[in-house]
Amino acid sequence: MQVTIDKNSGYCFGVEFAIKMAEDEMEQSDKLYCLGDIVHNDMEVKRLADKGLVVIDRDQLSELSDCKVLIRAHGEPPETYRTAIENNIELIDASCPVVLKLQHRVKTAFDKMERENGQVVIYGKKGHAEVIGLTGQTMEKAIVVMEDSDLEKIDFNRPVTLFSQTTKSTKGFYELSQKIQDRIKASKGELTEVDFNANDSICRQVSNREPQLRQFAKENDVIVFVSGKKSSNGKALYQVCLEENPRSFFVENQTEIQPEWFYPTDKVGICGATSTPMWLMEDVKKHLESMEANTLPV
């Protein structure tokens, strides 16, 4: 059995940067607070917790003072920074530069829409950490759209400016954009530049993984997709693998692997989400290689 790790899988720049900042800070102190899971992968969260990273929520943040708190790659709304100033909290800001730029664009667009009686719409998952940071730029007035039923929240007689959560599907964004345009035309009888402005704000480091992953899934007999179950990016990329290769299996770690998934002659590809650490995929590879000699049917 031949086992290969996808060279394009693993952390995106933003997540890698945040984890490096956390580890550097913890070398100097035995405890660092982190606002939410630093990454949607329980194995990595546990590894960092063992080093002294303590995960807190927003309610707990308001109760802290005179300490250091890490802001993860997803970014935070303005309210978090106000709380930090009031409570004398030093923020270790690991917000992804791509997310920070998008926050600024959303804030600028919101100010414009407020003057023009328009609306900011965000294609994303309501309650997702990045989306919370984006809606915070709009005084929580932005409309978050994920499903077709969410379109009912939009007033198609008023101007619409559309953005996307950085980790969403490019295909999904453009399908949503077309649906909004169609609704505006149906409502107003025409569509002008004033009526609608779509901003493709999807991170290309993330979106480019889809075509790369499709090719990787085709090249292997079996795909072992490694990801935390809480990762929305992981769920989406696993579906991409499944579409190209029905022998694709989703695991959180090597303990979930079943020997009956494989034949000795298989080419096995290991890949993962933008929140999957390389060390975890390497552990899965070692497990598969040791399992090959001991448990695979001949």
Protein backbone atom coordinates (compact mmCIF):
# COMPACT_ATOMS: atom_id res chain seq x y z
CA MET A 1 0.00 0.00 0.00
CA GLN A 2 1.37 3.39 -1.03
CA VAL A 3 0.52 6.30 1.30
CA THR A 4 0.90 9.98 0.33
CA ILE A 5 0.09 13.23 2.16
CA ASP A 6 -1.36 16.02 0.00
CA LYS A 7 1.28 18.75 -0.09
CA ASN A 8 -1.42 21.44 -0.42
CA SER A 9 -3.32 20.40 2.73
CA GLY A 10 -2.81 21.70 6.24
CA TYR A 11 -2.90 25.11 7.84
CA CYS A 12 -3.58 28.23 5.85
CA PHE A 13 -1.25 31.18 6.53
CA GLY A 14 -3.63 32.81 9.04
CA VAL A 15 -3.97 29.75 11.28
CA GLU A 16 -0.25 28.95 11.11
CA PHE A 17 0.56 32.55 12.09
CA ALA A 18 -1.86 32.48 15.06
CA ILE A 19 -0.47 29.22 16.43
CA LYS A 20 3.12 30.47 16.08
CA MET A 21 2.18 33.64 18.02
CA ALA A 22 0.55 31.55 20.74
CA GLU A 23 3.55 29.24 21.07
CA ASP A 24 6.03 32.14 21.13
CA GLU A 25 4.03 33.89 23.86
CA MET A 26 3.73 30.72 25.96
CA GLU A 27 7.51 30.29 25.95
CA GLN A 28 7.62 33.44 28.09
CA SER A 29 4.67 32.66 30.39
CA ASP A 30 2.91 29.55 31.63
CA LYS A 31 -0.61 30.77 30.80
CA LEU A 32 -2.19 32.55 27.86
CA TYR A 33 -5.91 33.04 27.34
CA CYS A 34 -7.41 32.53 23.89
CA LEU A 35 -10.80 33.91 22.87
CA GLY A 36 -12.44 30.80 21.38
CA ASP A 37 -10.72 27.70 19.99
CA ILE A 38 -7.59 28.85 18.18
CA VAL A 39 -8.41 26.37 15.42
CA HIS A 40 -11.36 24.05 14.75
CA ASN A 41 -9.39 20.93 15.58
CA ASP A 42 -9.73 19.32 19.01
CA MET A 43 -6.39 17.51 18.78
CA GLU A 44 -4.47 20.75 18.20
CA VAL A 45 -6.50 22.60 20.85
CA LYS A 46 -5.54 19.90 23.37
CA ARG A 47 -1.85 20.04 22.37
CA LEU A 48 -1.78 23.79 22.97
CA ALA A 49 -3.83 23.49 26.18
CA ASP A 50 -1.11 21.19 27.53
CA LYS A 51 1.36 24.04 26.89
CA GLY A 52 -0.79 26.56 28.82
CA LEU A 53 -3.34 27.95 26.34
CA VAL A 54 -6.66 28.50 28.12
CA VAL A 55 -9.75 28.86 25.90
CA ILE A 56 -12.36 31.38 27.09
CA ASP A 57 -15.59 32.78 25.68
CA ARG A 58 -16.76 36.41 25.47
CA ASP A 59 -18.57 36.30 28.80
CA GLN A 60 -15.38 35.15 30.52
CA LEU A 61 -13.39 37.86 28.74
CA SER A 62 -15.46 40.58 30.43
CA GLU A 63 -14.57 39.08 33.83
CA LEU A 64 -10.80 39.09 33.22
CA SER A 65 -8.34 41.91 33.85
CA ASP A 66 -4.60 42.56 33.90
CA CYS A 67 -3.74 39.57 31.69
CA LYS A 68 -2.92 38.60 28.11
CA VAL A 69 -5.52 37.32 25.63
CA LEU A 70 -4.86 35.98 22.14
CA ILE A 71 -7.20 36.94 19.30
CA ARG A 72 -7.23 34.09 16.80
CA ALA A 73 -7.06 34.31 13.01
CA HIS A 74 -10.84 34.71 12.61
CA GLY A 75 -10.72 38.30 13.92
CA GLU A 76 -12.97 40.03 16.45
CA PRO A 77 -15.63 42.76 16.49
CA PRO A 78 -14.85 46.27 17.87
CA GLU A 79 -16.59 45.38 21.15
CA THR A 80 -13.75 42.97 22.05
CA TYR A 81 -11.14 45.71 21.76
CA ARG A 82 -13.25 48.06 23.91
CA THR A 83 -13.53 45.40 26.61
CA ALA A 84 -9.76 44.88 26.55
CA ILE A 85 -9.10 48.59 27.06
CA GLU A 86 -11.63 48.83 29.91
CA ASN A 87 -10.19 45.75 31.70
CA ASN A 88 -6.50 46.48 31.09
CA ILE A 89 -6.11 43.34 28.98
CA GLU A 90 -3.14 43.07 26.64
CA LEU A 91 -4.31 41.62 23.34
CA ILE A 92 -2.00 39.38 21.32
CA ASP A 93 -3.69 40.05 18.00
CA ALA A 94 -3.25 37.16 15.56
CA SER A 95 -6.11 38.21 13.28
CA CYS A 96 -5.44 37.05 9.72
CA PRO A 97 -4.41 40.01 7.49
CA VAL A 98 -6.95 38.87 4.88
CA VAL A 99 -9.73 39.01 7.51
CA LEU A 100 -8.60 42.40 8.83
CA LYS A 101 -8.67 43.84 5.31
CA LEU A 102 -12.18 42.44 4.81
CA GLN A 103 -13.36 43.95 8.11
CA HIS A 104 -12.18 47.36 6.90
CA ARG A 105 -13.97 46.91 3.55
CA VAL A 106 -17.20 45.87 5.30
CA LYS A 107 -17.03 48.89 7.63
CA THR A 108 -16.48 51.28 4.69
CA ALA A 109 -19.34 49.70 2.72
CA PHE A 110 -21.63 49.83 5.74
CA ASP A 111 -21.02 53.55 6.24
CA LYS A 112 -21.87 54.10 2.56
CA MET A 113 -25.00 51.93 2.76
CA GLU A 114 -26.18 53.82 5.84
CA ARG A 115 -26.02 57.06 3.85
CA GLU A 116 -27.86 55.49 0.90
CA ASN A 117 -30.49 53.51 2.84
CA GLY A 118 -28.85 50.28 1.66
CA GLN A 119 -27.93 46.92 3.18
CA VAL A 120 -24.74 44.94 3.71
CA VAL A 121 -25.21 41.22 3.09
CA ILE A 122 -22.61 38.63 4.14
CA TYR A 123 -22.51 35.16 2.63
CA GLY A 124 -21.46 33.05 5.59
CA LYS A 125 -22.42 30.93 8.55
CA LYS A 126 -24.30 32.80 11.27
CA GLY A 127 -22.44 32.52 14.57
CA HIS A 128 -19.11 31.64 12.93
CA ALA A 129 -16.24 33.49 14.60
CA GLU A 130 -15.23 35.36 11.45
CA VAL A 131 -18.83 36.36 10.69
CA ILE A 132 -19.24 37.72 14.22
CA GLY A 133 -16.21 39.94 13.59
CA LEU A 134 -17.66 41.11 10.26
CA THR A 135 -21.16 41.88 11.53
CA GLY A 136 -19.53 43.79 14.39
CA GLN A 137 -18.30 46.29 11.81
CA THR A 138 -21.93 47.05 10.94
CA MET A 139 -23.40 47.53 14.43
CA GLU A 140 -24.93 44.05 13.90
CA LYS A 141 -27.06 45.36 11.02
CA ALA A 142 -25.49 43.17 8.32
CA ILE A 143 -27.73 40.41 6.95
CA VAL A 144 -26.08 36.97 7.09
CA VAL A 145 -27.18 34.65 4.30
CA MET A 146 -26.40 30.94 4.03
CA GLU A 147 -29.51 29.22 2.67
CA ASP A 148 -32.08 30.33 0.09
CA SER A 149 -34.59 30.92 2.90
CA ASP A 150 -32.25 33.60 4.32
CA LEU A 151 -32.86 35.73 1.21
CA GLU A 152 -36.24 36.68 2.67
CA LYS A 153 -34.39 38.94 5.13
CA ILE A 154 -33.26 41.22 2.27
CA ASP A 155 -35.31 44.18 1.01
CA PHE A 156 -34.77 43.97 -2.75
CA ASN A 157 -36.09 47.50 -3.26
CA ARG A 158 -33.05 48.90 -1.42
CA PRO A 159 -29.37 48.85 -2.51
CA VAL A 160 -27.39 45.72 -1.58
CA THR A 161 -23.63 45.33 -1.07
CA LEU A 162 -22.56 41.68 -0.86
CA PHE A 163 -19.44 40.22 0.79
CA SER A 164 -18.38 36.68 1.68
CA GLN A 165 -16.85 34.98 4.67
CA THR A 166 -13.27 34.30 3.49
CA THR A 167 -13.55 30.50 3.75
CA LYS A 168 -16.79 29.99 1.81
CA SER A 169 -17.17 28.31 -1.57
CA THR A 170 -16.50 30.49 -4.61
CA LYS A 171 -19.21 28.64 -6.52
CA GLY A 172 -21.69 29.23 -3.69
CA PHE A 173 -20.87 32.94 -3.61
CA TYR A 174 -21.51 33.48 -7.31
CA GLU A 175 -24.71 31.42 -7.20
CA LEU A 176 -25.94 33.61 -4.32
CA SER A 177 -24.90 36.77 -6.15
CA GLN A 178 -26.97 35.73 -9.18
CA LYS A 179 -30.01 34.93 -7.03
CA ILE A 180 -29.87 38.39 -5.43
CA GLN A 181 -29.56 40.05 -8.84
CA ASP A 182 -32.56 38.06 -10.11
CA ARG A 183 -34.63 39.08 -7.07
CA ILE A 184 -33.75 42.76 -7.52
CA LYS A 185 -34.74 42.61 -11.20
CA ALA A 186 -38.02 40.91 -10.31
CA SER A 187 -38.74 43.50 -7.64
CA LYS A 188 -37.64 46.68 -9.44
CA GLY A 189 -37.88 45.69 -13.09
CA GLU A 190 -34.20 46.52 -13.70
CA LEU A 191 -30.74 46.21 -12.17
CA THR A 192 -28.29 49.13 -12.02
CA GLU A 193 -24.85 49.64 -10.46
CA VAL A 194 -26.55 51.52 -7.64
CA ASP A 195 -28.79 48.55 -6.84
CA PHE A 196 -26.16 45.86 -6.34
CA ASN A 197 -22.43 45.56 -5.65
CA ALA A 198 -20.86 42.09 -5.23
CA ASN A 199 -17.44 41.76 -3.59
CA ASP A 200 -15.73 38.38 -3.93
CA SER A 201 -13.86 38.40 -0.61
CA ILE A 202 -13.03 34.68 -0.51
CA CYS A 203 -9.42 33.87 0.42
CA ARG A 204 -7.73 32.44 -2.67
CA GLN A 205 -5.33 30.34 -0.59
CA VAL A 206 -8.46 28.54 0.65
CA SER A 207 -10.55 28.53 -2.54
CA ASN A 208 -7.66 27.25 -4.69
CA ARG A 209 -7.57 24.09 -2.59
CA GLU A 210 -10.79 22.81 -4.09
CA PRO A 211 -9.48 22.16 -7.64
CA GLN A 212 -6.19 20.87 -6.19
CA LEU A 213 -8.09 18.48 -3.93
CA ARG A 214 -10.29 17.22 -6.78
CA GLN A 215 -7.16 16.22 -8.68
CA PHE A 216 -5.61 14.58 -5.59
CA ALA A 217 -8.81 12.58 -4.95
CA LYS A 218 -8.78 11.29 -8.54
CA GLU A 219 -5.13 10.24 -8.33
CA ASN A 220 -5.66 7.93 -5.32
CA ASP A 221 -7.73 4.78 -4.77
CA VAL A 222 -8.66 5.77 -1.22
CA ILE A 223 -8.81 9.17 0.46
CA VAL A 224 -8.45 9.61 4.23
CA PHE A 225 -9.63 13.13 5.00
CA VAL A 226 -8.41 14.33 8.41
CA SER A 227 -10.31 17.17 10.07
CA GLY A 228 -12.05 18.30 13.23
CA LYS A 229 -15.80 17.73 13.10
CA LYS A 230 -16.40 21.42 13.99
CA SER A 231 -14.55 22.68 10.91
CA SER A 232 -16.95 24.05 8.27
CA ASN A 233 -14.01 24.19 5.84
CA GLY A 234 -13.32 20.52 6.58
CA LYS A 235 -16.91 19.48 5.87
CA ALA A 236 -16.91 21.37 2.55
CA LEU A 237 -13.54 19.99 1.37
CA TYR A 238 -14.47 16.43 2.37
CA GLN A 239 -17.54 16.68 0.12
CA VAL A 240 -15.23 17.70 -2.73
CA CYS A 241 -13.21 14.51 -2.17
CA LEU A 242 -16.36 12.39 -1.99
CA GLU A 243 -17.65 13.79 -5.28
CA GLU A 244 -14.46 12.67 -7.04
CA ASN A 245 -13.77 9.49 -5.09
CA PRO A 246 -16.52 7.45 -3.34
CA ARG A 247 -13.85 5.69 -1.27
CA SER A 248 -13.24 8.83 0.78
CA PHE A 249 -13.38 8.61 4.57
CA PHE A 250 -13.59 11.42 7.16
CA VAL A 251 -11.61 10.92 10.40
CA GLU A 252 -10.56 13.13 13.29
CA ASN A 253 -7.48 11.02 14.00
CA GLN A 254 -5.90 7.64 13.32
CA THR A 255 -8.00 5.81 15.93
CA GLU A 256 -11.07 6.09 13.66
CA ILE A 257 -9.44 4.31 10.70
CA GLN A 258 -10.92 0.92 9.76
CA PRO A 259 -8.69 -1.74 8.11
CA GLU A 260 -11.56 -2.92 5.88
CA TRP A 261 -11.40 0.37 3.94
CA PHE A 262 -8.17 -0.73 2.22
CA TYR A 263 -6.59 -3.33 -0.07
CA PRO A 264 -2.84 -4.01 -0.12
CA THR A 265 -2.51 -2.65 -3.66
CA ASP A 266 -4.28 0.68 -2.91
CA LYS A 267 -2.79 4.10 -3.39
CA VAL A 268 -3.96 6.00 -0.30
CA GLY A 269 -4.06 9.80 -0.16
CA ILE A 270 -4.17 11.71 3.13
CA CYS A 271 -5.48 15.28 3.08
CA GLY A 272 -7.22 17.74 5.37
CA ALA A 273 -8.78 21.12 6.06
CA THR A 274 -7.12 24.50 6.54
CA SER A 275 -7.46 23.76 10.27
CA THR A 276 -5.72 20.35 10.13
CA PRO A 277 -2.16 20.31 11.52
CA MET A 278 0.51 18.56 9.46
CA TRP A 279 1.66 16.56 12.50
CA LEU A 280 -1.78 14.96 12.70
CA MET A 281 -1.72 13.92 9.03
CA GLU A 282 1.78 12.51 9.58
CA ASP A 283 0.47 10.48 12.55
CA VAL A 284 -2.27 9.09 10.29
CA LYS A 285 0.36 8.18 7.67
CA LYS A 286 2.50 6.33 10.24
CA HIS A 287 -0.57 4.47 11.47
CA LEU A 288 -1.53 3.37 7.94
CA GLU A 289 2.00 2.21 7.19
CA SER A 290 2.18 0.16 10.39
CA MET A 291 -1.31 -1.24 9.79
CA GLU A 292 -0.32 -2.36 6.28
CA ALA A 293 1.90 -5.16 7.53
CA ASN A 294 -0.22 -6.24 10.47
CA THR A 295 -3.93 -6.07 9.69
CA LEU A 296 -4.65 -5.61 5.98
CA PRO A 297 -6.31 -8.53 4.21
CA VAL A 298 -4.09 -10.26 1.67
